[in-house]
Amino acid sequence: MTFLVFVLLLATSTTRAQTRYSVYGIGFYNLENLFDTKHDAGKNDYEYLPDGTNKWTELKYNSKLKNMSRVLSEMGTDWLPEVGCAAIGVSEVENARCLTDLCNQPPLKAKNFKFVHIEGPDQRGVDCALLYNPSLFRVRSQELVPYVYTQAKDAGRATRGFLLVNGVLAGENVSIIVCHLPSRGAESFYREEGGRQVRELKERIQRQDPNVKIIIMGDMNDDPQDKSMAVALGAKRKIKDVPKNGLYNPWWDVLASGTGTLQYDGKWNLFDQIILSQNLLHQEGANDYNTLKLRRHQIFRRDYLFQKDGRYKGNTLRTHAGGVWLNGYSDHLPTVVYLMKEQRKR
């Protein structure tokens, strides 16, 4: 199924031809602790139990599901009002039960959203997953690639891995890698290791299929210019600097303009990035939309995602803050990229 987004009129001296394009939204959203109310054996999820520090009841859980489904269903609708995103990577989700309950929420169920999830080894029990609209994105295979601690002192530690989903979008092979790199509570070294390992995974995918389109997304816990992204992963700031089989990070200039996806001490960071392989980039002056190309990227914003008053007015409206349940959304804002492809003439 394809969706007509707009008609581009190409004018010549004697004719006016219509070229039609389809556009597909791909998003990422950190759900900020989407836990159910039951204990998972071997996981440190005690604060998200009814008798835990957050008093995490079924009422709060169901409200969280409702809030998350609202955001997820509206992502991508600025350009695709009837459709929204074809696929959305998410982080900080506890288990498959949470994802089943999430996809059963009316706004997502109406779009027939499905999910890919593989239980990981994270000590808190939070994982990454991929939600997708099966009428737009077809899953071919899935794999959880572990984050490997490389220092002897970290033997026995475990954290969330890299979820790799191979599929078909607009008739093309697309691989999506969903990440949640180690937190800022850890040294930069651990996120740099994450960036290096994702780069190795990207190169492995390209060796298997040199023509595959690759999308790397996640909560990187670093900004685009930090070493984990700019050096270890090697994602470039400018399209002209991206080598063959390289990566482009469109969020570098967004952060430089003074905005981001989360705030700390009144300053914006942009941890929630969607990074694209070189073959997804439109070359200036070229008529190359016969295959999927990046057309636009945005931070998804709605007024309801922000606090309206008080000391933290203008900050993201979180689920909890200072031990108080705010019935909000997340400490992160979502991000979306739009990929465009010329429709085949019939």
C-alpha atoms as a PDB file:
ATOM      1  CA  MET A   1       0.000   0.000   0.000  1.00  0.00           C
ATOM      2  CA  THR A   2       1.308   3.441  -0.856  1.00  0.00           C
ATOM      3  CA  PHE A   3      -0.039   6.840   0.085  1.00  0.00           C
ATOM      4  CA  LEU A   4      -0.020   9.877  -2.146  1.00  0.00           C
ATOM      5  CA  VAL A   5       1.340  12.811  -0.193  1.00  0.00           C
ATOM      6  CA  PHE A   6       1.644  15.544  -2.767  1.00  0.00           C
ATOM      7  CA  VAL A   7       2.025  16.209  -6.483  1.00  0.00           C
ATOM      8  CA  LEU A   8       5.156  17.929  -7.717  1.00  0.00           C
ATOM      9  CA  LEU A   9       4.677  19.806 -10.973  1.00  0.00           C
ATOM     10  CA  LEU A  10       7.700  19.736 -13.263  1.00  0.00           C
ATOM     11  CA  ALA A  11       7.477  22.550 -15.816  1.00  0.00           C
ATOM     12  CA  THR A  12       9.192  22.543 -19.185  1.00  0.00           C
ATOM     13  CA  SER A  13       8.888  24.958 -22.067  1.00  0.00           C
ATOM     14  CA  THR A  14       6.175  22.914 -23.735  1.00  0.00           C
ATOM     15  CA  THR A  15       4.644  20.507 -21.221  1.00  0.00           C
ATOM     16  CA  ARG A  16       3.673  20.164 -17.581  1.00  0.00           C
ATOM     17  CA  ALA A  17       4.136  16.655 -16.271  1.00  0.00           C
ATOM     18  CA  GLN A  18       2.951  15.371 -12.938  1.00  0.00           C
ATOM     19  CA  THR A  19       5.284  13.252 -10.849  1.00  0.00           C
ATOM     20  CA  ARG A  20       3.792  11.525  -7.837  1.00  0.00           C
ATOM     21  CA  TYR A  21       5.664  10.629  -4.694  1.00  0.00           C
ATOM     22  CA  SER A  22       4.967   8.501  -1.647  1.00  0.00           C
ATOM     23  CA  VAL A  23       6.306   9.499   1.760  1.00  0.00           C
ATOM     24  CA  TYR A  24       6.962   7.236   4.744  1.00  0.00           C
ATOM     25  CA  GLY A  25       7.494   8.343   8.339  1.00  0.00           C
ATOM     26  CA  ILE A  26      10.033   6.605  10.583  1.00  0.00           C
ATOM     27  CA  GLY A  27      10.180   7.633  14.250  1.00  0.00           C
ATOM     28  CA  PHE A  28      11.821   7.080  17.616  1.00  0.00           C
ATOM     29  CA  TYR A  29      10.472   7.671  21.125  1.00  0.00           C
ATOM     30  CA  ASN A  30      11.866   6.994  24.606  1.00  0.00           C
ATOM     31  CA  LEU A  31       8.767   5.922  26.545  1.00  0.00           C
ATOM     32  CA  GLU A  32      10.326   6.716  29.937  1.00  0.00           C
ATOM     33  CA  ASN A  33       9.771   3.592  32.002  1.00  0.00           C
ATOM     34  CA  LEU A  34       6.816   1.793  30.506  1.00  0.00           C
ATOM     35  CA  PHE A  35       6.542  -0.902  33.200  1.00  0.00           C
ATOM     36  CA  ASP A  36       3.628  -3.146  34.009  1.00  0.00           C
ATOM     37  CA  THR A  37       2.624  -3.723  37.641  1.00  0.00           C
ATOM     38  CA  LYS A  38       4.042  -7.244  38.039  1.00  0.00           C
ATOM     39  CA  HIS A  39       7.538  -8.343  39.059  1.00  0.00           C
ATOM     40  CA  ASP A  40       9.704  -9.959  36.371  1.00  0.00           C
ATOM     41  CA  ALA A  41      11.984 -12.590  37.898  1.00  0.00           C
ATOM     42  CA  GLY A  42      15.619 -11.546  37.983  1.00  0.00           C
ATOM     43  CA  LYS A  43      14.887  -7.878  37.208  1.00  0.00           C
ATOM     44  CA  ASN A  44      15.195  -4.856  39.473  1.00  0.00           C
ATOM     45  CA  ASP A  45      11.738  -3.494  38.714  1.00  0.00           C
ATOM     46  CA  TYR A  46      10.620  -3.080  42.322  1.00  0.00           C
ATOM     47  CA  GLU A  47      10.017   0.670  42.141  1.00  0.00           C
ATOM     48  CA  TYR A  48       7.359  -0.015  39.507  1.00  0.00           C
ATOM     49  CA  LEU A  49       5.199  -2.292  41.620  1.00  0.00           C
ATOM     50  CA  PRO A  50       2.037  -1.310  43.538  1.00  0.00           C
ATOM     51  CA  ASP A  51       3.986  -1.341  46.825  1.00  0.00           C
ATOM     52  CA  GLY A  52       7.152   0.166  45.312  1.00  0.00           C
ATOM     53  CA  THR A  53       8.447   3.700  45.649  1.00  0.00           C
ATOM     54  CA  ASN A  54       6.375   4.891  42.676  1.00  0.00           C
ATOM     55  CA  LYS A  55       3.182   3.138  43.908  1.00  0.00           C
ATOM     56  CA  TRP A  56       2.756   1.856  40.367  1.00  0.00           C
ATOM     57  CA  THR A  57      -0.871   0.748  40.243  1.00  0.00           C
ATOM     58  CA  GLU A  58      -3.025  -0.525  37.387  1.00  0.00           C
ATOM     59  CA  LEU A  59      -4.619   2.933  37.210  1.00  0.00           C
ATOM     60  CA  LYS A  60      -1.232   4.572  36.625  1.00  0.00           C
ATOM     61  CA  TYR A  61      -0.156   1.840  34.190  1.00  0.00           C
ATOM     62  CA  ASN A  62      -3.318   2.161  32.111  1.00  0.00           C
ATOM     63  CA  SER A  63      -2.998   5.941  32.070  1.00  0.00           C
ATOM     64  CA  LYS A  64       0.605   5.597  30.896  1.00  0.00           C
ATOM     65  CA  LEU A  65      -0.487   3.284  28.078  1.00  0.00           C
ATOM     66  CA  LYS A  66      -3.155   5.773  27.005  1.00  0.00           C
ATOM     67  CA  ASN A  67      -0.695   8.670  27.000  1.00  0.00           C
ATOM     68  CA  MET A  68       1.997   6.769  25.095  1.00  0.00           C
ATOM     69  CA  SER A  69      -0.450   5.533  22.466  1.00  0.00           C
ATOM     70  CA  ARG A  70      -1.633   9.088  21.851  1.00  0.00           C
ATOM     71  CA  VAL A  71       1.873  10.282  21.063  1.00  0.00           C
ATOM     72  CA  LEU A  72       2.834   7.254  18.993  1.00  0.00           C
ATOM     73  CA  SER A  73      -0.337   7.440  16.900  1.00  0.00           C
ATOM     74  CA  GLU A  74       0.209  11.144  16.181  1.00  0.00           C
ATOM     75  CA  MET A  75       3.885  10.877  15.247  1.00  0.00           C
ATOM     76  CA  GLY A  76       4.336  11.485  11.532  1.00  0.00           C
ATOM     77  CA  THR A  77       0.903  13.049  11.080  1.00  0.00           C
ATOM     78  CA  ASP A  78       2.299  16.514  10.353  1.00  0.00           C
ATOM     79  CA  TRP A  79       3.081  15.227   6.862  1.00  0.00           C
ATOM     80  CA  LEU A  80       0.961  12.081   6.832  1.00  0.00           C
ATOM     81  CA  PRO A  81      -2.257  13.050   8.643  1.00  0.00           C
ATOM     82  CA  GLU A  82      -4.182   9.879   7.805  1.00  0.00           C
ATOM     83  CA  VAL A  83      -1.321   7.430   8.198  1.00  0.00           C
ATOM     84  CA  GLY A  84       1.369   8.503  10.642  1.00  0.00           C
ATOM     85  CA  CYS A  85       4.596   6.549  10.898  1.00  0.00           C
ATOM     86  CA  ALA A  86       5.334   3.268   9.154  1.00  0.00           C
ATOM     87  CA  ALA A  87       7.699   2.219  11.955  1.00  0.00           C
ATOM     88  CA  ILE A  88       8.687   3.626  15.353  1.00  0.00           C
ATOM     89  CA  GLY A  89      11.576   2.490  17.510  1.00  0.00           C
ATOM     90  CA  VAL A  90      11.001   2.741  21.250  1.00  0.00           C
ATOM     91  CA  SER A  91      13.137   2.383  24.358  1.00  0.00           C
ATOM     92  CA  GLU A  92      12.503   1.886  28.079  1.00  0.00           C
ATOM     93  CA  VAL A  93       9.759  -0.713  27.713  1.00  0.00           C
ATOM     94  CA  GLU A  94       9.741  -3.581  30.199  1.00  0.00           C
ATOM     95  CA  ASN A  95       8.434  -6.564  28.279  1.00  0.00           C
ATOM     96  CA  ALA A  96       6.172  -8.001  25.597  1.00  0.00           C
ATOM     97  CA  ARG A  97       3.106  -7.683  27.826  1.00  0.00           C
ATOM     98  CA  CYS A  98       3.563  -3.906  27.913  1.00  0.00           C
ATOM     99  CA  LEU A  99       3.902  -3.820  24.124  1.00  0.00           C
ATOM    100  CA  THR A 100       0.815  -5.997  23.654  1.00  0.00           C
ATOM    101  CA  ASP A 101      -1.177  -3.724  25.943  1.00  0.00           C
ATOM    102  CA  LEU A 102       0.214  -0.680  24.144  1.00  0.00           C
ATOM    103  CA  CYS A 103      -0.728  -1.931  20.672  1.00  0.00           C
ATOM    104  CA  ASN A 104      -4.210  -2.750  21.979  1.00  0.00           C
ATOM    105  CA  GLN A 105      -4.832   0.880  22.843  1.00  0.00           C
ATOM    106  CA  PRO A 106      -7.511   2.259  20.450  1.00  0.00           C
ATOM    107  CA  PRO A 107      -5.301   4.776  18.555  1.00  0.00           C
ATOM    108  CA  LEU A 108      -2.711   2.093  17.702  1.00  0.00           C
ATOM    109  CA  LYS A 109      -5.161  -0.770  17.277  1.00  0.00           C
ATOM    110  CA  ALA A 110      -7.002   1.313  14.678  1.00  0.00           C
ATOM    111  CA  LYS A 111      -3.778   1.354  12.643  1.00  0.00           C
ATOM    112  CA  ASN A 112      -3.161  -2.359  13.265  1.00  0.00           C
ATOM    113  CA  PHE A 113       0.240  -1.703  14.819  1.00  0.00           C
ATOM    114  CA  LYS A 114       2.413  -4.738  15.578  1.00  0.00           C
ATOM    115  CA  PHE A 115       5.729  -4.962  17.396  1.00  0.00           C
ATOM    116  CA  VAL A 116       9.123  -6.645  17.370  1.00  0.00           C
ATOM    117  CA  HIS A 117      10.694  -7.288  20.768  1.00  0.00           C
ATOM    118  CA  ILE A 118      13.352  -9.637  22.097  1.00  0.00           C
ATOM    119  CA  GLU A 119      13.798  -9.865  25.851  1.00  0.00           C
ATOM    120  CA  GLY A 120      17.209  -8.509  26.816  1.00  0.00           C
ATOM    121  CA  PRO A 121      19.557  -8.806  29.797  1.00  0.00           C
ATOM    122  CA  ASP A 122      19.258  -5.275  31.194  1.00  0.00           C
ATOM    123  CA  GLN A 123      19.290  -5.363  34.987  1.00  0.00           C
ATOM    124  CA  ARG A 124      16.323  -2.997  35.343  1.00  0.00           C
ATOM    125  CA  GLY A 125      14.459  -4.957  32.699  1.00  0.00           C
ATOM    126  CA  VAL A 126      14.071  -2.190  30.113  1.00  0.00           C
ATOM    127  CA  ASP A 127      14.374  -3.067  26.437  1.00  0.00           C
ATOM    128  CA  CYS A 128      14.127  -1.574  22.971  1.00  0.00           C
ATOM    129  CA  ALA A 129      11.398  -2.539  20.526  1.00  0.00           C
ATOM    130  CA  LEU A 130      10.065  -1.637  17.105  1.00  0.00           C
ATOM    131  CA  LEU A 131       6.410  -0.813  16.487  1.00  0.00           C
ATOM    132  CA  TYR A 132       5.299  -0.993  12.866  1.00  0.00           C
ATOM    133  CA  ASN A 133       2.340  -0.742  10.549  1.00  0.00           C
ATOM    134  CA  PRO A 134       2.348  -4.056   8.634  1.00  0.00           C
ATOM    135  CA  SER A 135       0.601  -2.491   5.644  1.00  0.00           C
ATOM    136  CA  LEU A 136       3.671  -0.279   5.145  1.00  0.00           C
ATOM    137  CA  PHE A 137       6.629  -2.134   6.651  1.00  0.00           C
ATOM    138  CA  ARG A 138       7.079  -5.908   6.311  1.00  0.00           C
ATOM    139  CA  VAL A 139       9.370  -7.607   8.818  1.00  0.00           C
ATOM    140  CA  ARG A 140      11.713 -10.246   7.376  1.00  0.00           C
ATOM    141  CA  SER A 141      13.953 -11.062  10.351  1.00  0.00           C
ATOM    142  CA  GLN A 142      14.935  -9.841  13.796  1.00  0.00           C
ATOM    143  CA  GLU A 143      17.962 -10.165  16.048  1.00  0.00           C
ATOM    144  CA  LEU A 144      19.120  -8.826  19.392  1.00  0.00           C
ATOM    145  CA  VAL A 145      22.842  -8.054  19.130  1.00  0.00           C
ATOM    146  CA  PRO A 146      24.356  -7.811  22.626  1.00  0.00           C
ATOM    147  CA  TYR A 147      26.236  -4.808  23.918  1.00  0.00           C
ATOM    148  CA  VAL A 148      29.619  -6.313  24.840  1.00  0.00           C
ATOM    149  CA  TYR A 149      31.536  -4.980  27.834  1.00  0.00           C
ATOM    150  CA  THR A 150      35.184  -5.043  26.792  1.00  0.00           C
ATOM    151  CA  GLN A 151      36.958  -4.308  30.093  1.00  0.00           C
ATOM    152  CA  ALA A 152      37.757  -7.070  32.569  1.00  0.00           C
ATOM    153  CA  LYS A 153      36.376  -5.023  35.459  1.00  0.00           C
ATOM    154  CA  ASP A 154      32.923  -5.148  33.834  1.00  0.00           C
ATOM    155  CA  ALA A 155      32.769  -8.938  33.599  1.00  0.00           C
ATOM    156  CA  GLY A 156      29.292 -10.132  34.482  1.00  0.00           C
ATOM    157  CA  ARG A 157      27.594  -6.820  33.706  1.00  0.00           C
ATOM    158  CA  ALA A 158      24.770  -6.696  31.193  1.00  0.00           C
ATOM    159  CA  THR A 159      22.772  -3.948  29.547  1.00  0.00           C
ATOM    160  CA  ARG A 160      20.298  -3.583  26.694  1.00  0.00           C
ATOM    161  CA  GLY A 161      21.542  -4.696  23.292  1.00  0.00           C
ATOM    162  CA  PHE A 162      20.907  -3.453  19.771  1.00  0.00           C
ATOM    163  CA  LEU A 163      17.627  -4.582  18.211  1.00  0.00           C
ATOM    164  CA  LEU A 164      18.116  -5.270  14.506  1.00  0.00           C
ATOM    165  CA  VAL A 165      14.995  -5.578  12.373  1.00  0.00           C
ATOM    166  CA  ASN A 166      15.357  -6.354   8.675  1.00  0.00           C
ATOM    167  CA  GLY A 167      12.340  -5.612   6.536  1.00  0.00           C
ATOM    168  CA  VAL A 168      10.857  -4.194   3.375  1.00  0.00           C
ATOM    169  CA  LEU A 169       9.658  -0.586   2.994  1.00  0.00           C
ATOM    170  CA  ALA A 170       8.391   0.753  -0.330  1.00  0.00           C
ATOM    171  CA  GLY A 171       9.706  -2.386  -2.025  1.00  0.00           C
ATOM    172  CA  GLU A 172      13.247  -1.883  -0.726  1.00  0.00           C
ATOM    173  CA  ASN A 173      15.322  -3.767   1.816  1.00  0.00           C
ATOM    174  CA  VAL A 174      15.653  -1.663   4.955  1.00  0.00           C
ATOM    175  CA  SER A 175      17.476  -2.556   8.182  1.00  0.00           C
ATOM    176  CA  ILE A 176      16.516  -0.683  11.353  1.00  0.00           C
ATOM    177  CA  ILE A 177      18.776  -0.752  14.420  1.00  0.00           C
ATOM    178  CA  VAL A 178      17.160   0.444  17.667  1.00  0.00           C
ATOM    179  CA  CYS A 179      19.579   1.441  20.447  1.00  0.00           C
ATOM    180  CA  HIS A 180      19.654   2.700  24.005  1.00  0.00           C
ATOM    181  CA  LEU A 181      23.277   3.388  24.871  1.00  0.00           C
ATOM    182  CA  PRO A 182      24.609   3.420  28.466  1.00  0.00           C
ATOM    183  CA  SER A 183      23.420   6.346  30.574  1.00  0.00           C
ATOM    184  CA  ARG A 184      25.297   9.495  31.478  1.00  0.00           C
ATOM    185  CA  GLY A 185      25.895   7.900  34.864  1.00  0.00           C
ATOM    186  CA  ALA A 186      28.603   5.901  33.080  1.00  0.00           C
ATOM    187  CA  GLU A 187      31.809   7.275  31.562  1.00  0.00           C
ATOM    188  CA  SER A 188      31.842   8.421  27.932  1.00  0.00           C
ATOM    189  CA  PHE A 189      33.946   5.339  27.140  1.00  0.00           C
ATOM    190  CA  TYR A 190      30.904   3.054  27.437  1.00  0.00           C
ATOM    191  CA  ARG A 191      28.835   5.056  24.955  1.00  0.00           C
ATOM    192  CA  GLU A 192      31.826   5.250  22.628  1.00  0.00           C
ATOM    193  CA  GLU A 193      32.026   1.467  22.819  1.00  0.00           C
ATOM    194  CA  GLY A 194      28.334   1.376  21.932  1.00  0.00           C
ATOM    195  CA  GLY A 195      28.878   3.616  18.928  1.00  0.00           C
ATOM    196  CA  ARG A 196      31.781   1.445  17.757  1.00  0.00           C
ATOM    197  CA  GLN A 197      29.757  -1.747  18.125  1.00  0.00           C
ATOM    198  CA  VAL A 198      26.803  -0.309  16.208  1.00  0.00           C
ATOM    199  CA  ARG A 199      29.207   0.753  13.444  1.00  0.00           C
ATOM    200  CA  GLU A 200      30.536  -2.812  13.256  1.00  0.00           C
ATOM    201  CA  LEU A 201      26.966  -4.108  13.071  1.00  0.00           C
ATOM    202  CA  LYS A 202      26.193  -1.635  10.280  1.00  0.00           C
ATOM    203  CA  GLU A 203      29.249  -2.799   8.334  1.00  0.00           C
ATOM    204  CA  ARG A 204      28.263  -6.448   8.802  1.00  0.00           C
ATOM    205  CA  ILE A 205      24.819  -5.701   7.348  1.00  0.00           C
ATOM    206  CA  GLN A 206      26.361  -3.891   4.384  1.00  0.00           C
ATOM    207  CA  ARG A 207      28.701  -6.803   3.650  1.00  0.00           C
ATOM    208  CA  GLN A 208      25.692  -9.108   3.492  1.00  0.00           C
ATOM    209  CA  ASP A 209      23.703  -6.712   1.284  1.00  0.00           C
ATOM    210  CA  PRO A 210      25.610  -3.736  -0.209  1.00  0.00           C
ATOM    211  CA  ASN A 211      22.354  -2.115  -1.356  1.00  0.00           C
ATOM    212  CA  VAL A 212      20.425  -2.264   1.924  1.00  0.00           C
ATOM    213  CA  LYS A 213      19.151   1.012   3.374  1.00  0.00           C
ATOM    214  CA  ILE A 214      20.129   1.346   7.056  1.00  0.00           C
ATOM    215  CA  ILE A 215      18.422   3.440   9.735  1.00  0.00           C
ATOM    216  CA  ILE A 216      20.074   3.662  13.168  1.00  0.00           C
ATOM    217  CA  MET A 217      17.929   5.178  15.897  1.00  0.00           C
ATOM    218  CA  GLY A 218      17.760   5.441  19.627  1.00  0.00           C
ATOM    219  CA  ASP A 219      18.392   7.236  22.876  1.00  0.00           C
ATOM    220  CA  MET A 220      22.142   7.643  22.510  1.00  0.00           C
ATOM    221  CA  ASN A 221      22.599   9.433  25.854  1.00  0.00           C
ATOM    222  CA  ASP A 222      24.973  11.680  23.908  1.00  0.00           C
ATOM    223  CA  ASP A 223      24.575  14.577  21.512  1.00  0.00           C
ATOM    224  CA  PRO A 224      25.427  14.333  17.785  1.00  0.00           C
ATOM    225  CA  GLN A 225      28.835  16.018  18.220  1.00  0.00           C
ATOM    226  CA  ASP A 226      29.958  13.724  21.069  1.00  0.00           C
ATOM    227  CA  LYS A 227      32.622  11.092  20.437  1.00  0.00           C
ATOM    228  CA  SER A 228      30.232   8.147  20.526  1.00  0.00           C
ATOM    229  CA  MET A 229      28.284   9.532  17.566  1.00  0.00           C
ATOM    230  CA  ALA A 230      30.739  11.676  15.600  1.00  0.00           C
ATOM    231  CA  VAL A 231      33.847   9.479  15.946  1.00  0.00           C
ATOM    232  CA  ALA A 232      33.008   5.955  17.118  1.00  0.00           C
ATOM    233  CA  LEU A 233      29.855   5.615  14.986  1.00  0.00           C
ATOM    234  CA  GLY A 234      31.197   8.067  12.394  1.00  0.00           C
ATOM    235  CA  ALA A 235      27.930   9.888  11.633  1.00  0.00           C
ATOM    236  CA  LYS A 236      28.669  13.084   9.674  1.00  0.00           C
ATOM    237  CA  ARG A 237      27.163  16.526  10.093  1.00  0.00           C
ATOM    238  CA  LYS A 238      26.984  17.447   6.395  1.00  0.00           C
ATOM    239  CA  ILE A 239      25.719  15.324   3.530  1.00  0.00           C
ATOM    240  CA  LYS A 240      28.685  16.336   1.387  1.00  0.00           C
ATOM    241  CA  ASP A 241      31.040  14.772   3.924  1.00  0.00           C
ATOM    242  CA  VAL A 242      29.343  11.370   4.014  1.00  0.00           C
ATOM    243  CA  PRO A 243      31.462   8.740   2.206  1.00  0.00           C
ATOM    244  CA  LYS A 244      30.056   5.761   0.352  1.00  0.00           C
ATOM    245  CA  ASN A 245      28.504   3.373   2.885  1.00  0.00           C
ATOM    246  CA  GLY A 246      28.881   6.095   5.537  1.00  0.00           C
ATOM    247  CA  LEU A 247      26.315   7.674   7.853  1.00  0.00           C
ATOM    248  CA  TYR A 248      24.567  11.043   8.091  1.00  0.00           C
ATOM    249  CA  ASN A 249      23.290  12.599  11.325  1.00  0.00           C
ATOM    250  CA  PRO A 250      20.712  15.321  10.520  1.00  0.00           C
ATOM    251  CA  TRP A 251      20.277  16.331  14.198  1.00  0.00           C
ATOM    252  CA  TRP A 252      23.651  18.036  14.616  1.00  0.00           C
ATOM    253  CA  ASP A 253      22.421  21.323  13.159  1.00  0.00           C
ATOM    254  CA  VAL A 254      19.057  21.033  14.933  1.00  0.00           C
ATOM    255  CA  LEU A 255      20.792  21.067  18.310  1.00  0.00           C
ATOM    256  CA  ALA A 256      23.073  23.891  17.176  1.00  0.00           C
ATOM    257  CA  SER A 257      19.960  25.959  16.403  1.00  0.00           C
ATOM    258  CA  GLY A 258      19.042  25.883  20.092  1.00  0.00           C
ATOM    259  CA  THR A 259      16.524  23.079  20.510  1.00  0.00           C
ATOM    260  CA  GLY A 260      16.564  19.396  21.369  1.00  0.00           C
ATOM    261  CA  THR A 261      14.629  16.446  22.742  1.00  0.00           C
ATOM    262  CA  LEU A 262      15.286  16.728  26.502  1.00  0.00           C
ATOM    263  CA  GLN A 263      16.424  19.351  28.975  1.00  0.00           C
ATOM    264  CA  TYR A 264      18.898  19.306  31.833  1.00  0.00           C
ATOM    265  CA  ASP A 265      19.472  22.370  34.010  1.00  0.00           C
ATOM    266  CA  GLY A 266      17.645  24.493  31.460  1.00  0.00           C
ATOM    267  CA  LYS A 267      19.828  23.359  28.562  1.00  0.00           C
ATOM    268  CA  TRP A 268      18.683  21.300  25.598  1.00  0.00           C
ATOM    269  CA  ASN A 269      20.289  17.999  24.650  1.00  0.00           C
ATOM    270  CA  LEU A 270      19.425  15.927  21.605  1.00  0.00           C
ATOM    271  CA  PHE A 271      19.938  12.293  22.568  1.00  0.00           C
ATOM    272  CA  ASP A 272      17.075  10.909  20.449  1.00  0.00           C
ATOM    273  CA  GLN A 273      18.604  10.544  17.023  1.00  0.00           C
ATOM    274  CA  ILE A 274      17.725   8.851  13.746  1.00  0.00           C
ATOM    275  CA  ILE A 275      20.825   8.332  11.600  1.00  0.00           C
ATOM    276  CA  LEU A 276      20.769   7.272   7.952  1.00  0.00           C
ATOM    277  CA  SER A 277      23.057   5.425   5.570  1.00  0.00           C
ATOM    278  CA  GLN A 278      24.538   7.248   2.603  1.00  0.00           C
ATOM    279  CA  ASN A 279      22.234   5.580   0.070  1.00  0.00           C
ATOM    280  CA  LEU A 280      19.224   7.235   1.768  1.00  0.00           C
ATOM    281  CA  LEU A 281      20.558  10.721   1.019  1.00  0.00           C
ATOM    282  CA  HIS A 282      19.306  12.926  -1.789  1.00  0.00           C
ATOM    283  CA  GLN A 283      22.127  14.428  -3.806  1.00  0.00           C
ATOM    284  CA  GLU A 284      21.660  18.113  -4.627  1.00  0.00           C
ATOM    285  CA  GLY A 285      20.621  18.590  -8.256  1.00  0.00           C
ATOM    286  CA  ALA A 286      20.081  14.883  -8.849  1.00  0.00           C
ATOM    287  CA  ASN A 287      16.772  13.294  -9.843  1.00  0.00           C
ATOM    288  CA  ASP A 288      17.292  10.311  -7.552  1.00  0.00           C
ATOM    289  CA  TYR A 289      13.939   9.831  -5.835  1.00  0.00           C
ATOM    290  CA  ASN A 290      13.413   6.615  -7.783  1.00  0.00           C
ATOM    291  CA  THR A 291      14.613   5.013  -4.533  1.00  0.00           C
ATOM    292  CA  LEU A 292      13.895   5.990  -0.923  1.00  0.00           C
ATOM    293  CA  LYS A 293      15.575   9.248   0.089  1.00  0.00           C
ATOM    294  CA  LEU A 294      15.488  11.470   3.156  1.00  0.00           C
ATOM    295  CA  ARG A 295      13.152  14.394   2.570  1.00  0.00           C
ATOM    296  CA  ARG A 296      12.680  15.959   5.998  1.00  0.00           C
ATOM    297  CA  HIS A 297      13.325  15.450   9.707  1.00  0.00           C
ATOM    298  CA  GLN A 298      11.639  16.912  12.775  1.00  0.00           C
ATOM    299  CA  ILE A 299      11.331  16.851  16.527  1.00  0.00           C
ATOM    300  CA  PHE A 300       7.709  15.951  17.193  1.00  0.00           C
ATOM    301  CA  ARG A 301       6.130  18.618  19.414  1.00  0.00           C
ATOM    302  CA  ARG A 302       2.664  19.054  20.845  1.00  0.00           C
ATOM    303  CA  ASP A 303       1.579  21.482  23.563  1.00  0.00           C
ATOM    304  CA  TYR A 304       0.383  18.633  25.759  1.00  0.00           C
ATOM    305  CA  LEU A 305       3.938  17.266  25.988  1.00  0.00           C
ATOM    306  CA  PHE A 306       5.092  20.281  28.032  1.00  0.00           C
ATOM    307  CA  GLN A 307       4.426  21.552  31.540  1.00  0.00           C
ATOM    308  CA  LYS A 308       2.118  24.565  31.428  1.00  0.00           C
ATOM    309  CA  ASP A 309       3.021  26.278  34.699  1.00  0.00           C
ATOM    310  CA  GLY A 310       5.071  26.109  37.865  1.00  0.00           C
ATOM    311  CA  ARG A 311       8.804  26.010  38.407  1.00  0.00           C
ATOM    312  CA  TYR A 312       9.381  23.728  35.436  1.00  0.00           C
ATOM    313  CA  LYS A 313       7.097  25.468  32.963  1.00  0.00           C
ATOM    314  CA  GLY A 314       8.257  24.702  29.425  1.00  0.00           C
ATOM    315  CA  ASN A 315       9.942  21.418  30.385  1.00  0.00           C
ATOM    316  CA  THR A 316       8.703  18.089  29.124  1.00  0.00           C
ATOM    317  CA  LEU A 317       5.739  16.754  31.110  1.00  0.00           C
ATOM    318  CA  ARG A 318       7.019  13.560  32.705  1.00  0.00           C
ATOM    319  CA  THR A 319       5.222  10.619  34.281  1.00  0.00           C
ATOM    320  CA  HIS A 320       6.853  11.353  37.654  1.00  0.00           C
ATOM    321  CA  ALA A 321       8.895  14.268  38.962  1.00  0.00           C
ATOM    322  CA  GLY A 322      10.183  14.731  42.484  1.00  0.00           C
ATOM    323  CA  GLY A 323       8.296  11.643  43.618  1.00  0.00           C
ATOM    324  CA  VAL A 324       4.968  13.065  42.399  1.00  0.00           C
ATOM    325  CA  TRP A 325       2.860  11.366  39.737  1.00  0.00           C
ATOM    326  CA  LEU A 326       2.197  13.973  37.030  1.00  0.00           C
ATOM    327  CA  ASN A 327       0.297  11.653  34.688  1.00  0.00           C
ATOM    328  CA  GLY A 328       2.519  12.947  31.908  1.00  0.00           C
ATOM    329  CA  TYR A 329       4.330  11.441  28.975  1.00  0.00           C
ATOM    330  CA  SER A 330       8.127  11.266  28.904  1.00  0.00           C
ATOM    331  CA  ASP A 331      11.230  13.281  29.702  1.00  0.00           C
ATOM    332  CA  HIS A 332      12.118  12.927  26.005  1.00  0.00           C
ATOM    333  CA  LEU A 333      10.473  14.260  22.853  1.00  0.00           C
ATOM    334  CA  PRO A 334      10.083  11.983  19.821  1.00  0.00           C
ATOM    335  CA  THR A 335      11.903  12.409  16.525  1.00  0.00           C
ATOM    336  CA  VAL A 336      10.708  11.599  13.000  1.00  0.00           C
ATOM    337  CA  VAL A 337      12.303  11.368   9.565  1.00  0.00           C
ATOM    338  CA  TYR A 338      10.351  11.309   6.308  1.00  0.00           C
ATOM    339  CA  LEU A 339      11.552   9.211   3.378  1.00  0.00           C
ATOM    340  CA  MET A 340      10.272   9.955  -0.112  1.00  0.00           C
ATOM    341  CA  LYS A 341      10.115   7.820  -3.244  1.00  0.00           C
ATOM    342  CA  GLU A 342       8.743   8.425  -6.710  1.00  0.00           C
ATOM    343  CA  GLN A 343       5.725   6.291  -7.532  1.00  0.00           C
ATOM    344  CA  ARG A 344       6.123   3.970 -10.474  1.00  0.00           C
ATOM    345  CA  LYS A 345       4.172   4.891 -13.561  1.00  0.00           C
ATOM    346  CA  ARG A 346       1.462   2.418 -14.468  1.00  0.00           C
END
